[in-house]
């Protein structure tokens, strides 16, 4: 089977030749390709080259068009600080509680900020791997984008103090994410990974997710499917045990669960949804290949009868991870052949 066939079948809970394995790699690919991180996050061609270089070495089942969590907010007008060896950060938010958000311009993915570079990365990746390997487009989820547009504290206080106004800001963030995701699908991404850590129970209570986030995730995933996505993939870092049952109402196809979530809890709370995870990201820096191998085999054993499982990390694999540890995870999946 090709990687794309393997992933597609796993999402449908069908039999595959082996357990698919996805190393969630961003900046690590740049370091592996001996490129500077500060260049990787601004150059779509360089990012694609780095992703392909890592893919050819490790042999996992997907590549990512991904820079960092500031792409959307920068394109909307926030000020970003670029740093040599770590990801960029927002130093000035474009929105505040007094902003007239309904008149604020939505960024154009083909023109604004670094969005065009992400689209370039998608096009190159799809050209290079075709329909053999999964090409993952990425968006920061609407709850997280909102916190990146105006700051976490302001966003959460607005939700409490003025829910109607909060909804207007939240819907702006949703429109931004929707437009960017659709542009990546048009450029050739097979699916969109919606990374929404601010929508985890580490940040918001489950009731908040149910009332505000769930209907917007559901509409977002519906739009991406209509835009050609073969599946929808959501990832909210940290604890999501009490939020996971609501995913069954969003029509999402793949749920990433972090190392803080017990695999049995993830199974119990998600029904017939494909799961991916959940090796601790820091393990790829500090542990040994044998520890990674054993953790991988343990996870695959838990999901052997259920199916619908993609071996992966709980979140992004850190840039400074040891290549031999990533190799250990990938090779463990091949043991299931």
Protein backbone atom coordinates (compact mmCIF):
# COMPACT_ATOMS: atom_id res chain seq x y z
CA UNK A 1 0.00 0.00 0.00
CA UNK A 2 1.07 3.58 -0.51
CA UNK A 3 1.19 5.89 2.49
CA UNK A 4 -1.92 7.71 1.29
CA UNK A 5 -3.81 4.43 0.81
CA UNK A 6 -2.68 3.28 4.26
CA UNK A 7 -3.90 6.44 5.97
CA UNK A 8 -7.18 6.52 4.05
CA UNK A 9 -7.95 2.89 4.91
CA UNK A 10 -7.06 3.39 8.57
CA UNK A 11 -9.45 6.34 8.82
CA UNK A 12 -12.18 4.02 7.52
CA UNK A 13 -11.15 1.29 10.02
CA UNK A 14 -10.19 -1.03 7.17
CA UNK A 15 -7.38 -3.58 7.20
CA UNK A 16 -3.94 -2.28 6.16
CA UNK A 17 -0.53 -3.81 5.50
CA UNK A 18 0.83 -2.19 8.68
CA UNK A 19 0.01 0.48 11.22
CA UNK A 20 0.55 3.92 9.63
CA UNK A 21 3.08 6.15 11.34
CA UNK A 22 3.26 9.93 11.16
CA UNK A 23 6.09 11.87 12.72
CA UNK A 24 4.61 15.32 13.35
CA UNK A 25 7.63 17.25 12.21
CA UNK A 26 8.00 20.95 11.48
CA UNK A 27 11.24 22.69 12.31
CA UNK A 28 13.03 19.39 12.96
CA UNK A 29 12.99 18.84 9.21
CA UNK A 30 14.92 22.09 8.74
CA UNK A 31 17.53 21.13 11.32
CA UNK A 32 17.80 17.67 9.79
CA UNK A 33 18.32 19.27 6.36
CA UNK A 34 20.95 21.58 7.93
CA UNK A 35 18.91 24.72 7.35
CA UNK A 36 18.23 27.61 9.73
CA UNK A 37 14.88 27.68 11.48
CA UNK A 38 14.50 31.42 10.87
CA UNK A 39 14.74 30.73 7.13
CA UNK A 40 12.48 27.67 7.24
CA UNK A 41 9.52 29.61 8.67
CA UNK A 42 9.64 32.23 5.90
CA UNK A 43 10.40 30.24 2.77
CA UNK A 44 7.88 27.78 1.33
CA UNK A 45 10.37 26.25 -1.07
CA UNK A 46 12.92 25.70 1.70
CA UNK A 47 10.23 24.24 3.97
CA UNK A 48 9.14 21.81 1.25
CA UNK A 49 12.77 20.82 0.58
CA UNK A 50 13.28 20.19 4.31
CA UNK A 51 10.09 18.12 4.58
CA UNK A 52 11.03 15.96 1.59
CA UNK A 53 14.57 15.49 2.91
CA UNK A 54 13.20 14.24 6.24
CA UNK A 55 10.58 12.05 4.52
CA UNK A 56 13.20 10.36 2.36
CA UNK A 57 15.32 9.59 5.40
CA UNK A 58 12.68 8.48 7.90
CA UNK A 59 10.08 6.96 5.57
CA UNK A 60 6.91 7.83 7.51
CA UNK A 61 3.49 8.38 5.99
CA UNK A 62 2.95 12.15 5.67
CA UNK A 63 4.56 15.52 5.01
CA UNK A 64 3.45 18.85 6.44
CA UNK A 65 3.08 22.34 5.04
CA UNK A 66 3.75 24.05 8.34
CA UNK A 67 5.71 27.00 9.71
CA UNK A 68 4.53 28.09 13.18
CA UNK A 69 1.48 29.29 15.10
CA UNK A 70 1.79 32.95 14.03
CA UNK A 71 1.07 32.69 10.30
CA UNK A 72 -2.63 33.57 10.52
CA UNK A 73 -2.34 36.43 13.01
CA UNK A 74 0.61 37.97 11.16
CA UNK A 75 -1.35 37.93 7.90
CA UNK A 76 -4.19 39.71 9.71
CA UNK A 77 -1.85 42.48 10.89
CA UNK A 78 -0.24 41.43 14.17
CA UNK A 79 3.47 42.19 14.62
CA UNK A 80 5.77 39.17 14.82
CA UNK A 81 9.28 38.85 16.16
CA UNK A 82 11.50 36.41 14.26
CA UNK A 83 14.15 34.61 16.26
CA UNK A 84 17.18 32.66 15.07
CA UNK A 85 16.68 29.28 16.72
CA UNK A 86 13.11 29.23 18.05
CA UNK A 87 9.70 29.84 16.54
CA UNK A 88 8.43 33.41 15.98
CA UNK A 89 6.20 35.05 18.58
CA UNK A 90 3.58 37.81 18.56
CA UNK A 91 4.85 41.06 20.06
CA UNK A 92 1.86 43.25 19.17
CA UNK A 93 -1.71 42.01 18.69
CA UNK A 94 -3.75 43.52 15.89
CA UNK A 95 -7.09 43.41 17.76
CA UNK A 96 -8.29 44.64 21.13
CA UNK A 97 -11.74 44.50 22.77
CA UNK A 98 -12.64 47.91 21.28
CA UNK A 99 -11.77 46.93 17.69
CA UNK A 100 -14.50 47.03 15.07
CA UNK A 101 -13.85 43.42 14.11
CA UNK A 102 -16.71 43.27 11.60
CA UNK A 103 -14.87 45.83 9.46
CA UNK A 104 -11.42 44.33 9.93
CA UNK A 105 -10.02 42.99 6.66
CA UNK A 106 -9.71 39.25 6.26
CA UNK A 107 -6.26 38.31 4.98
CA UNK A 108 -5.92 36.97 1.46
CA UNK A 109 -3.99 33.66 1.53
CA UNK A 110 -2.54 34.43 -1.88
CA UNK A 111 -1.14 37.83 -0.89
CA UNK A 112 -0.86 38.49 2.83
CA UNK A 113 1.96 37.69 5.21
CA UNK A 114 3.55 34.29 4.87
CA UNK A 115 0.36 32.57 3.73
CA UNK A 116 1.52 32.54 0.08
CA UNK A 117 4.70 30.75 1.18
CA UNK A 118 2.63 28.03 2.85
CA UNK A 119 0.66 27.63 -0.39
CA UNK A 120 3.94 27.38 -2.27
CA UNK A 121 5.06 24.67 0.15
CA UNK A 122 1.82 22.73 -0.41
CA UNK A 123 2.17 22.90 -4.19
CA UNK A 124 5.77 21.68 -4.13
CA UNK A 125 5.01 18.85 -1.71
CA UNK A 126 2.08 17.64 -3.80
CA UNK A 127 4.20 17.83 -6.95
CA UNK A 128 6.97 15.82 -5.29
CA UNK A 129 4.91 13.06 -3.64
CA UNK A 130 1.76 13.08 -5.75
CA UNK A 131 -0.85 10.73 -4.34
CA UNK A 132 1.64 8.34 -2.76
CA UNK A 133 2.22 10.22 0.50
CA UNK A 134 -0.28 12.25 2.52
CA UNK A 135 0.23 16.00 2.09
CA UNK A 136 -1.02 17.73 5.23
CA UNK A 137 -2.05 21.37 5.07
CA UNK A 138 -2.17 23.06 8.45
CA UNK A 139 -4.22 25.80 10.06
CA UNK A 140 -4.25 27.13 13.57
CA UNK A 141 -7.74 26.48 14.90
CA UNK A 142 -10.21 29.34 15.41
CA UNK A 143 -10.03 29.47 19.21
CA UNK A 144 -6.25 29.64 19.11
CA UNK A 145 -6.22 32.14 16.25
CA UNK A 146 -8.47 34.41 18.29
CA UNK A 147 -6.03 34.31 21.21
CA UNK A 148 -3.23 35.09 18.75
CA UNK A 149 -5.17 38.05 17.36
CA UNK A 150 -5.89 39.73 20.70
CA UNK A 151 -4.17 37.80 23.47
CA UNK A 152 -5.35 34.92 25.62
CA UNK A 153 -6.44 36.97 28.62
CA UNK A 154 -8.43 39.50 26.59
CA UNK A 155 -10.19 36.78 24.62
CA UNK A 156 -11.22 34.77 27.67
CA UNK A 157 -12.35 37.81 29.64
CA UNK A 158 -14.45 38.94 26.69
CA UNK A 159 -16.11 35.53 26.53
CA UNK A 160 -17.13 35.95 30.17
CA UNK A 161 -17.99 39.65 30.23
CA UNK A 162 -19.54 40.13 26.80
CA UNK A 163 -20.41 36.81 25.11
CA UNK A 164 -22.24 38.43 22.18
CA UNK A 165 -19.23 40.55 21.33
CA UNK A 166 -16.95 37.56 21.82
CA UNK A 167 -18.93 35.64 19.19
CA UNK A 168 -18.29 38.38 16.62
CA UNK A 169 -14.53 38.13 17.20
CA UNK A 170 -14.67 34.36 17.23
CA UNK A 171 -16.56 34.25 13.94
CA UNK A 172 -13.94 36.52 12.37
CA UNK A 173 -11.26 34.03 13.42
CA UNK A 174 -13.33 31.20 11.94
CA UNK A 175 -13.64 32.97 8.60
CA UNK A 176 -9.89 33.54 8.55
CA UNK A 177 -9.13 29.88 9.24
CA UNK A 178 -11.72 28.65 6.73
CA UNK A 179 -10.30 30.81 3.94
CA UNK A 180 -6.72 29.71 4.61
CA UNK A 181 -7.60 26.02 4.82
CA UNK A 182 -9.57 26.08 1.58
CA UNK A 183 -6.66 27.79 -0.18
CA UNK A 184 -4.34 24.98 0.92
CA UNK A 185 -6.76 22.36 -0.36
CA UNK A 186 -6.91 24.17 -3.68
CA UNK A 187 -3.10 24.19 -3.76
CA UNK A 188 -3.01 20.41 -3.40
CA UNK A 189 -3.20 19.42 0.28
CA UNK A 190 -4.99 16.11 0.82
CA UNK A 191 -6.38 17.23 4.16
CA UNK A 192 -6.12 19.98 6.74
CA UNK A 193 -4.78 19.52 10.26
CA UNK A 194 -6.57 21.97 12.54
CA UNK A 195 -4.26 22.65 15.48
CA UNK A 196 -6.33 24.29 18.21
CA UNK A 197 -4.55 24.03 21.60
CA UNK A 198 -6.61 26.89 23.09
CA UNK A 199 -9.66 24.65 22.60
CA UNK A 200 -8.41 22.03 25.08
CA UNK A 201 -9.67 21.73 28.64
CA UNK A 202 -6.26 22.95 29.77
CA UNK A 203 -7.53 26.37 28.67
CA UNK A 204 -11.33 26.21 28.54
CA UNK A 205 -13.94 24.11 30.39
CA UNK A 206 -15.82 21.43 28.41
CA UNK A 207 -19.03 23.46 28.59
CA UNK A 208 -17.28 26.33 26.82
CA UNK A 209 -16.17 23.94 24.09
CA UNK A 210 -19.71 22.60 23.69
CA UNK A 211 -21.32 26.05 23.46
CA UNK A 212 -18.81 28.06 21.45
CA UNK A 213 -16.21 25.83 19.79
CA UNK A 214 -18.09 22.68 18.82
CA UNK A 215 -20.52 24.31 16.33
CA UNK A 216 -17.66 26.20 14.71
CA UNK A 217 -15.42 23.15 14.45
CA UNK A 218 -18.35 21.26 12.92
CA UNK A 219 -18.93 23.96 10.29
CA UNK A 220 -15.20 24.27 9.60
CA UNK A 221 -14.77 20.54 9.04
CA UNK A 222 -17.86 20.44 6.83
CA UNK A 223 -16.40 23.23 4.71
CA UNK A 224 -13.05 21.48 4.37
CA UNK A 225 -14.72 18.24 3.27
CA UNK A 226 -16.72 20.15 0.69
CA UNK A 227 -13.45 21.77 -0.40
CA UNK A 228 -11.93 18.38 -1.21
CA UNK A 229 -10.30 17.18 2.02
CA UNK A 230 -10.12 13.38 2.20
CA UNK A 231 -10.51 13.67 5.98
CA UNK A 232 -10.48 16.18 8.81
CA UNK A 233 -7.81 16.05 11.50
CA UNK A 234 -8.02 17.98 14.78
CA UNK A 235 -5.40 18.40 17.46
CA UNK A 236 -5.88 20.21 20.76
CA UNK A 237 -2.78 19.76 22.89
CA UNK A 238 -2.90 18.75 26.54
CA UNK A 239 -5.87 17.28 28.41
CA UNK A 240 -8.96 16.73 26.28
CA UNK A 241 -10.61 13.75 28.01
CA UNK A 242 -13.82 15.64 28.82
CA UNK A 243 -13.93 17.35 25.42
CA UNK A 244 -13.31 14.24 23.33
CA UNK A 245 -16.94 12.97 23.50
CA UNK A 246 -18.04 16.15 21.71
CA UNK A 247 -15.78 15.34 18.75
CA UNK A 248 -18.36 12.77 17.67
CA UNK A 249 -20.68 15.71 16.92
CA UNK A 250 -18.14 17.56 14.77
CA UNK A 251 -17.79 14.94 12.01
CA UNK A 252 -14.02 14.95 12.47
CA UNK A 253 -12.17 11.90 11.12
CA UNK A 254 -8.84 11.92 12.99
CA UNK A 255 -8.27 13.07 16.57
CA UNK A 256 -4.74 13.57 17.87
CA UNK A 257 -4.41 12.83 21.58
CA UNK A 258 -1.47 14.07 23.64
CA UNK A 259 0.61 12.07 26.09
CA UNK A 260 -1.50 13.39 29.00
CA UNK A 261 -4.49 11.42 27.69
CA UNK A 262 -4.64 7.72 28.46
CA UNK A 263 -5.16 5.69 25.26
CA UNK A 264 -8.01 3.71 26.83
CA UNK A 265 -9.72 6.96 27.78
CA UNK A 266 -9.29 8.20 24.21
CA UNK A 267 -10.89 5.00 22.89
CA UNK A 268 -13.78 5.20 25.32
CA UNK A 269 -14.50 8.86 24.55
CA UNK A 270 -14.31 8.99 20.77
CA UNK A 271 -16.40 6.14 19.43
CA UNK A 272 -15.69 5.28 15.78
CA UNK A 273 -13.08 8.00 15.16
CA UNK A 274 -9.52 7.35 14.05
CA UNK A 275 -6.98 8.29 16.75
CA UNK A 276 -3.36 9.27 16.45
CA UNK A 277 -0.76 9.71 19.16
CA UNK A 278 0.54 9.75 21.74
CA UNK A 279 4.28 9.38 22.46
CA UNK A 280 5.53 12.18 24.69
CA UNK A 281 7.28 14.76 22.47
CA UNK A 282 10.14 15.32 24.91
CA UNK A 283 10.89 11.60 24.79
CA UNK A 284 12.32 12.18 21.32
CA UNK A 285 14.96 14.39 22.95
CA UNK A 286 15.71 12.71 26.24
CA UNK A 287 14.88 9.01 25.92
CA UNK A 288 16.54 6.16 24.07
CA UNK A 289 15.47 4.46 20.84
CA UNK A 290 14.54 1.32 22.77
CA UNK A 291 12.22 3.28 25.06
CA UNK A 292 10.55 4.83 22.00
CA UNK A 293 10.27 1.41 20.39
CA UNK A 294 8.68 -0.15 23.45
CA UNK A 295 6.21 2.72 23.84
CA UNK A 296 5.31 2.41 20.16
CA UNK A 297 4.74 -1.34 20.42
CA UNK A 298 2.64 -0.85 23.55
CA UNK A 299 0.40 1.67 21.80
CA UNK A 300 -0.05 -0.49 18.73
CA UNK A 301 -0.91 -3.42 20.99
CA UNK A 302 -3.65 -1.42 22.71
CA UNK A 303 -5.23 -0.56 19.36
CA UNK A 304 -4.65 -3.89 17.61
CA UNK A 305 -8.22 -5.15 17.89
CA UNK A 306 -9.92 -1.76 17.54
CA UNK A 307 -8.02 -0.48 14.52
CA UNK A 308 -8.36 3.13 13.46
CA UNK A 309 -4.97 4.09 14.87
CA UNK A 310 -2.03 6.09 13.54
CA UNK A 311 1.20 5.82 15.52
CA UNK A 312 2.49 9.31 16.22
CA UNK A 313 3.73 11.77 18.78
CA UNK A 314 1.36 13.49 21.20
CA UNK A 315 2.24 16.86 19.66
CA UNK A 316 4.92 18.27 17.39
CA UNK A 317 8.23 16.46 17.63
CA UNK A 318 10.69 19.05 18.98
CA UNK A 319 13.21 20.54 16.55
CA UNK A 320 16.20 19.24 18.53
CA UNK A 321 14.97 15.64 18.70
CA UNK A 322 17.38 12.78 18.11
CA UNK A 323 17.01 11.28 14.63
CA UNK A 324 17.54 7.79 16.03
CA UNK A 325 14.48 8.22 18.25
CA UNK A 326 12.26 9.19 15.33
CA UNK A 327 13.68 6.24 13.42
CA UNK A 328 12.77 3.98 16.34
CA UNK A 329 9.10 4.99 16.15
CA UNK A 330 8.95 4.53 12.38
CA UNK A 331 10.73 1.17 12.52
CA UNK A 332 8.37 -0.03 15.25
CA UNK A 333 5.43 0.48 12.90
CA UNK A 334 7.20 -1.56 10.27
CA UNK A 335 7.40 -4.44 12.74
CA UNK A 336 3.65 -4.81 12.22
CA UNK A 337 4.12 -5.82 8.58
